[in-house]
């Protein structure tokens, strides 16, 4: 609901229902795919890229014991927690092609993307036999698996789908910033759960520091984006400060449990202006990343 409100407030009035429908339907679609194949391809034993078929349709999961990656919680809870990551990632992509992709092809694209992109990335990064994990790549709560993957995929999708009619010639103003503020607020609270709950097994203290780092980075990036916009455009904006908060939350995600409080502040301080200028690149290079999925999530 947070992302649906955030994106729904940013599009033009005639596209609100279509945008909210995309977010809601993606949530439902990915839930069914996760049940059928996604969880197994991501978190069961297999190869260095894909998991195996041992947990298709969630067979062979333990109702009382935990997954080997996180034995401290029952496996059904582990399934549900990681389902949230699987849902939010393709939903983020939809912001790049907002206002212009047909609903049916969108669902097909999201389903294929989940199976062919998200699942192998999750397995490679978070499962002990994954090739990225084996090479020591650190991703505490989905910086690569969620945000970089969604941002890059959003950029490619926006280019392949094409520009909105009138892009570059007319302004596409957000129709209801209050909806977007509410959505950003819900996302912020949810982010604390995402990052805080991603602590490694037996290291629950890292969950607390991850939540504190998340708060610090999000708040700092909000201010640094606001100041950057104030200097360049001579006034701050509500869109700017909430975009900055998302940029800060994104930036701290891969290292939320690995950096100290000063590191979290630096991440947020740099994320604001960096993502601000990144979001402006679409005007220079002519691609239509409608809601800045690439500009905020990929850099």
Protein backbone atom coordinates (compact mmCIF):
# COMPACT_ATOMS: atom_id res chain seq x y z
CA UNK A 1 0.00 0.00 0.00
CA UNK A 2 2.87 2.41 0.67
CA UNK A 3 4.25 2.17 -2.85
CA UNK A 4 0.76 2.25 -4.39
CA UNK A 5 0.03 5.54 -2.60
CA UNK A 6 3.48 6.97 -3.34
CA UNK A 7 3.26 6.21 -7.06
CA UNK A 8 -0.48 6.91 -7.24
CA UNK A 9 -0.02 10.47 -6.02
CA UNK A 10 2.80 11.20 -8.47
CA UNK A 11 0.99 10.34 -11.71
CA UNK A 12 -1.64 12.36 -13.51
CA UNK A 13 -5.22 12.04 -12.31
CA UNK A 14 -6.37 9.92 -15.26
CA UNK A 15 -3.73 7.29 -14.48
CA UNK A 16 -4.17 6.94 -10.70
CA UNK A 17 -6.30 3.80 -10.77
CA UNK A 18 -4.10 2.12 -13.37
CA UNK A 19 -0.99 2.83 -11.29
CA UNK A 20 -2.52 1.57 -8.04
CA UNK A 21 -3.85 -1.49 -9.90
CA UNK A 22 -0.34 -2.31 -11.07
CA UNK A 23 1.05 -2.27 -7.52
CA UNK A 24 -1.81 -4.32 -6.08
CA UNK A 25 -1.83 -6.90 -8.86
CA UNK A 26 1.96 -7.32 -8.68
CA UNK A 27 1.61 -8.06 -4.96
CA UNK A 28 -0.90 -10.82 -5.69
CA UNK A 29 0.94 -12.22 -8.70
CA UNK A 30 4.31 -12.48 -6.96
CA UNK A 31 2.70 -14.11 -3.92
CA UNK A 32 1.37 -16.94 -6.09
CA UNK A 33 4.65 -17.29 -7.99
CA UNK A 34 6.58 -17.35 -4.70
CA UNK A 35 4.35 -20.16 -3.49
CA UNK A 36 4.74 -22.11 -6.74
CA UNK A 37 8.41 -21.72 -7.67
CA UNK A 38 9.99 -18.46 -6.51
CA UNK A 39 10.91 -19.39 -2.95
CA UNK A 40 12.47 -22.67 -4.03
CA UNK A 41 14.45 -21.07 -6.86
CA UNK A 42 15.75 -18.46 -4.41
CA UNK A 43 16.41 -20.30 -1.17
CA UNK A 44 16.70 -24.06 -1.72
CA UNK A 45 19.89 -25.91 -2.52
CA UNK A 46 20.75 -26.01 -6.21
CA UNK A 47 23.45 -24.41 -8.29
CA UNK A 48 25.47 -21.22 -7.94
CA UNK A 49 22.72 -19.30 -9.78
CA UNK A 50 19.37 -21.02 -9.21
CA UNK A 51 17.96 -22.94 -6.29
CA UNK A 52 16.49 -26.39 -6.87
CA UNK A 53 12.94 -27.74 -6.97
CA UNK A 54 12.81 -29.21 -3.47
CA UNK A 55 10.52 -26.45 -2.17
CA UNK A 56 8.21 -25.97 -5.15
CA UNK A 57 4.72 -25.19 -3.85
CA UNK A 58 6.46 -24.79 -0.46
CA UNK A 59 6.82 -28.52 -0.05
CA UNK A 60 9.31 -29.78 2.52
CA UNK A 61 9.40 -26.57 4.52
CA UNK A 62 9.57 -27.04 8.26
CA UNK A 63 6.68 -25.61 10.26
CA UNK A 64 8.70 -25.40 13.47
CA UNK A 65 12.37 -25.29 12.55
CA UNK A 66 14.09 -22.48 10.69
CA UNK A 67 15.73 -22.27 7.29
CA UNK A 68 19.50 -22.94 7.41
CA UNK A 69 20.13 -19.29 6.51
CA UNK A 70 18.12 -18.11 9.52
CA UNK A 71 17.43 -20.98 11.94
CA UNK A 72 16.33 -18.61 14.71
CA UNK A 73 12.82 -18.16 13.23
CA UNK A 74 10.31 -20.72 11.85
CA UNK A 75 10.66 -21.25 8.12
CA UNK A 76 7.11 -20.04 7.26
CA UNK A 77 8.05 -16.68 8.77
CA UNK A 78 11.27 -16.69 6.74
CA UNK A 79 9.19 -17.42 3.61
CA UNK A 80 6.86 -14.51 4.33
CA UNK A 81 9.63 -12.05 5.20
CA UNK A 82 11.48 -12.72 1.95
CA UNK A 83 8.22 -12.61 0.01
CA UNK A 84 8.01 -8.92 0.93
CA UNK A 85 11.32 -8.30 -0.86
CA UNK A 86 10.14 -10.31 -3.85
CA UNK A 87 6.95 -8.20 -4.06
CA UNK A 88 8.44 -4.74 -3.67
CA UNK A 89 11.18 -5.25 -6.27
CA UNK A 90 9.07 -5.62 -9.45
CA UNK A 91 6.58 -3.11 -8.05
CA UNK A 92 9.39 -0.54 -8.02
CA UNK A 93 10.04 -1.22 -11.70
CA UNK A 94 6.48 -0.21 -12.57
CA UNK A 95 7.32 3.39 -11.69
CA UNK A 96 9.66 3.60 -14.67
CA UNK A 97 6.97 2.85 -17.26
CA UNK A 98 4.04 4.44 -15.39
CA UNK A 99 1.30 6.03 -17.51
CA UNK A 100 1.86 3.92 -20.61
CA UNK A 101 2.26 0.11 -20.38
CA UNK A 102 -0.74 -2.11 -21.03
CA UNK A 103 -1.89 -4.18 -18.08
CA UNK A 104 -1.73 -7.66 -19.63
CA UNK A 105 1.80 -7.40 -21.04
CA UNK A 106 2.89 -5.82 -17.75
CA UNK A 107 1.80 -8.90 -15.82
CA UNK A 108 3.61 -11.23 -18.23
CA UNK A 109 6.77 -9.12 -18.02
CA UNK A 110 6.68 -9.05 -14.21
CA UNK A 111 6.16 -12.81 -13.97
CA UNK A 112 9.08 -13.57 -16.28
CA UNK A 113 11.26 -10.98 -14.58
CA UNK A 114 10.61 -12.49 -11.16
CA UNK A 115 11.60 -15.97 -12.28
CA UNK A 116 14.51 -15.09 -14.58
CA UNK A 117 16.03 -12.08 -12.80
CA UNK A 118 14.94 -11.76 -9.17
CA UNK A 119 15.16 -15.42 -8.14
CA UNK A 120 18.71 -16.02 -9.44
CA UNK A 121 19.89 -12.72 -7.98
CA UNK A 122 18.42 -13.58 -4.57
CA UNK A 123 19.93 -17.05 -4.66
CA UNK A 124 23.33 -15.83 -5.85
CA UNK A 125 23.48 -13.10 -3.19
CA UNK A 126 21.87 -14.62 -0.10
CA UNK A 127 22.21 -18.39 -0.33
CA UNK A 128 25.57 -19.79 0.87
CA UNK A 129 26.12 -21.63 -2.42
CA UNK A 130 25.32 -18.56 -4.57
CA UNK A 131 28.23 -17.30 -6.64
CA UNK A 132 28.00 -13.70 -5.39
CA UNK A 133 27.81 -14.86 -1.78
CA UNK A 134 30.73 -17.19 -2.42
CA UNK A 135 32.80 -14.26 -3.72
CA UNK A 136 32.15 -12.24 -0.58
CA UNK A 137 29.62 -9.74 -1.98
CA UNK A 138 27.84 -8.12 0.97
CA UNK A 139 24.19 -7.14 0.64
CA UNK A 140 22.61 -6.74 4.05
CA UNK A 141 18.99 -6.11 3.02
CA UNK A 142 18.71 -5.98 -0.77
CA UNK A 143 20.75 -3.11 -2.16
CA UNK A 144 21.72 -5.17 -5.19
CA UNK A 145 18.95 -7.77 -5.23
CA UNK A 146 16.14 -5.23 -4.86
CA UNK A 147 17.16 -1.68 -5.70
CA UNK A 148 19.92 -1.93 -8.29
CA UNK A 149 18.04 -4.73 -10.04
CA UNK A 150 14.78 -2.76 -10.05
CA UNK A 151 16.45 0.49 -11.10
CA UNK A 152 18.41 -0.97 -14.02
CA UNK A 153 15.44 -3.04 -15.16
CA UNK A 154 13.22 0.01 -14.91
CA UNK A 155 15.59 1.99 -17.13
CA UNK A 156 15.65 -0.75 -19.77
CA UNK A 157 11.86 -1.18 -19.60
CA UNK A 158 11.24 2.56 -19.96
CA UNK A 159 13.44 2.66 -23.06
CA UNK A 160 11.85 -0.42 -24.62
CA UNK A 161 8.26 0.71 -23.93
CA UNK A 162 8.98 4.20 -25.23
CA UNK A 163 8.17 7.70 -24.03
CA UNK A 164 4.85 9.06 -22.91
CA UNK A 165 3.07 11.22 -25.45
CA UNK A 166 4.18 14.78 -24.77
CA UNK A 167 7.32 13.85 -22.81
CA UNK A 168 9.79 16.72 -23.05
CA UNK A 169 7.13 19.08 -24.39
CA UNK A 170 4.70 19.32 -21.48
CA UNK A 171 4.88 18.95 -17.71
CA UNK A 172 3.54 15.84 -16.01
CA UNK A 173 2.63 17.20 -12.60
CA UNK A 174 1.83 15.00 -9.63
CA UNK A 175 -1.91 15.16 -9.03
CA UNK A 176 -1.94 14.64 -5.24
CA UNK A 177 1.21 15.14 -3.17
CA UNK A 178 -0.59 14.26 0.07
CA UNK A 179 -1.06 10.70 -1.20
CA UNK A 180 2.63 10.52 -2.04
CA UNK A 181 3.66 11.86 1.38
CA UNK A 182 1.49 9.24 3.05
CA UNK A 183 2.96 6.56 0.80
CA UNK A 184 6.53 7.69 1.49
CA UNK A 185 5.81 7.65 5.23
CA UNK A 186 4.49 4.09 5.06
CA UNK A 187 7.51 3.05 3.00
CA UNK A 188 9.85 4.59 5.58
CA UNK A 189 8.25 2.64 8.44
CA UNK A 190 8.27 -0.53 6.38
CA UNK A 191 11.93 0.02 5.51
CA UNK A 192 12.82 -0.13 9.19
CA UNK A 193 11.31 -3.60 9.23
CA UNK A 194 13.01 -4.66 6.01
CA UNK A 195 16.46 -3.63 7.15
CA UNK A 196 16.06 -4.42 10.82
CA UNK A 197 14.74 -7.90 10.13
CA UNK A 198 17.61 -8.79 7.80
CA UNK A 199 20.13 -9.40 10.57
CA UNK A 200 22.22 -12.59 10.17
CA UNK A 201 21.29 -15.54 12.32
CA UNK A 202 22.59 -15.19 15.87
CA UNK A 203 23.37 -11.48 15.46
CA UNK A 204 20.12 -9.82 16.48
CA UNK A 205 22.04 -6.76 17.73
CA UNK A 206 22.75 -5.92 14.08
CA UNK A 207 19.00 -5.56 13.56
CA UNK A 208 18.88 -2.67 16.00
CA UNK A 209 21.84 -0.84 14.48
CA UNK A 210 20.40 -1.45 11.00
CA UNK A 211 17.13 0.25 11.99
CA UNK A 212 18.93 3.21 13.53
CA UNK A 213 21.20 3.57 10.50
CA UNK A 214 18.15 3.42 8.24
CA UNK A 215 16.48 6.27 10.11
CA UNK A 216 19.62 8.42 10.08
CA UNK A 217 20.33 7.92 6.39
CA UNK A 218 16.73 8.55 5.31
CA UNK A 219 16.46 11.76 7.33
CA UNK A 220 19.86 13.08 6.24
CA UNK A 221 19.18 12.41 2.56
CA UNK A 222 15.83 14.20 2.81
CA UNK A 223 17.60 17.31 4.01
CA UNK A 224 20.51 17.12 1.58
CA UNK A 225 18.14 16.64 -1.41
CA UNK A 226 16.01 19.53 -0.15
CA UNK A 227 19.04 21.84 0.17
CA UNK A 228 20.34 20.81 -3.24
CA UNK A 229 17.00 21.60 -4.85
CA UNK A 230 16.77 24.85 -2.84
CA UNK A 231 20.12 26.00 -4.21
CA UNK A 232 19.44 25.04 -7.81
CA UNK A 233 15.73 25.85 -8.15
CA UNK A 234 15.60 28.59 -5.49
CA UNK A 235 12.97 26.80 -3.42
CA UNK A 236 12.44 23.42 -1.76
CA UNK A 237 9.54 21.13 -2.60
CA UNK A 238 7.50 18.41 -0.95
CA UNK A 239 8.32 16.07 -3.85
CA UNK A 240 12.00 16.77 -3.27
CA UNK A 241 12.07 16.03 0.43
CA UNK A 242 10.14 12.75 0.11
CA UNK A 243 12.26 11.69 -2.88
CA UNK A 244 15.33 12.41 -0.79
CA UNK A 245 14.04 10.19 2.00
CA UNK A 246 13.61 7.27 -0.41
CA UNK A 247 17.10 7.90 -1.81
CA UNK A 248 18.59 7.74 1.68
CA UNK A 249 16.70 4.59 2.56
CA UNK A 250 17.84 2.94 -0.66
CA UNK A 251 21.47 3.93 -0.18
CA UNK A 252 21.83 2.54 3.34
CA UNK A 253 20.07 -0.75 2.57
CA UNK A 254 23.05 -2.86 1.40
CA UNK A 255 25.19 -1.76 4.34
CA UNK A 256 22.60 -1.08 7.03
CA UNK A 257 24.10 -3.56 9.48
CA UNK A 258 27.72 -3.09 8.42
CA UNK A 259 28.38 0.65 8.92
CA UNK A 260 28.42 2.80 12.05
CA UNK A 261 26.25 5.86 12.66
CA UNK A 262 28.73 8.21 10.99
CA UNK A 263 28.73 5.97 7.94
CA UNK A 264 24.95 6.10 7.83
CA UNK A 265 25.04 9.90 7.99
CA UNK A 266 27.58 10.06 5.15
CA UNK A 267 25.50 7.68 3.04
CA UNK A 268 22.44 9.89 3.45
CA UNK A 269 24.37 13.13 2.99
CA UNK A 270 25.77 11.96 -0.36
CA UNK A 271 22.61 10.18 -1.51
CA UNK A 272 20.51 13.34 -1.61
CA UNK A 273 22.45 15.39 -4.18
CA UNK A 274 23.72 12.35 -6.07
CA UNK A 275 20.23 10.93 -6.65
CA UNK A 276 18.86 14.43 -7.33
CA UNK A 277 21.23 14.85 -10.27
CA UNK A 278 20.74 11.25 -11.33
CA UNK A 279 16.99 11.84 -11.58
CA UNK A 280 17.62 14.78 -13.91
CA UNK A 281 19.56 12.64 -16.38
CA UNK A 282 16.37 11.56 -18.13
CA UNK A 283 15.90 15.09 -19.44
CA UNK A 284 19.44 15.21 -20.77
CA UNK A 285 19.47 11.78 -22.39
CA UNK A 286 15.82 11.59 -23.40
CA UNK A 287 14.59 8.41 -21.70
CA UNK A 288 11.26 8.52 -19.87
CA UNK A 289 11.82 7.11 -16.39
CA UNK A 290 8.41 8.39 -15.32
CA UNK A 291 8.67 8.17 -11.52
CA UNK A 292 12.48 8.02 -11.24
CA UNK A 293 12.79 4.31 -10.52
CA UNK A 294 16.25 4.35 -12.07
CA UNK A 295 17.24 7.79 -10.85
CA UNK A 296 16.60 6.98 -7.18
CA UNK A 297 17.14 3.23 -6.90
CA UNK A 298 19.99 2.33 -9.26
CA UNK A 299 22.84 4.80 -8.56
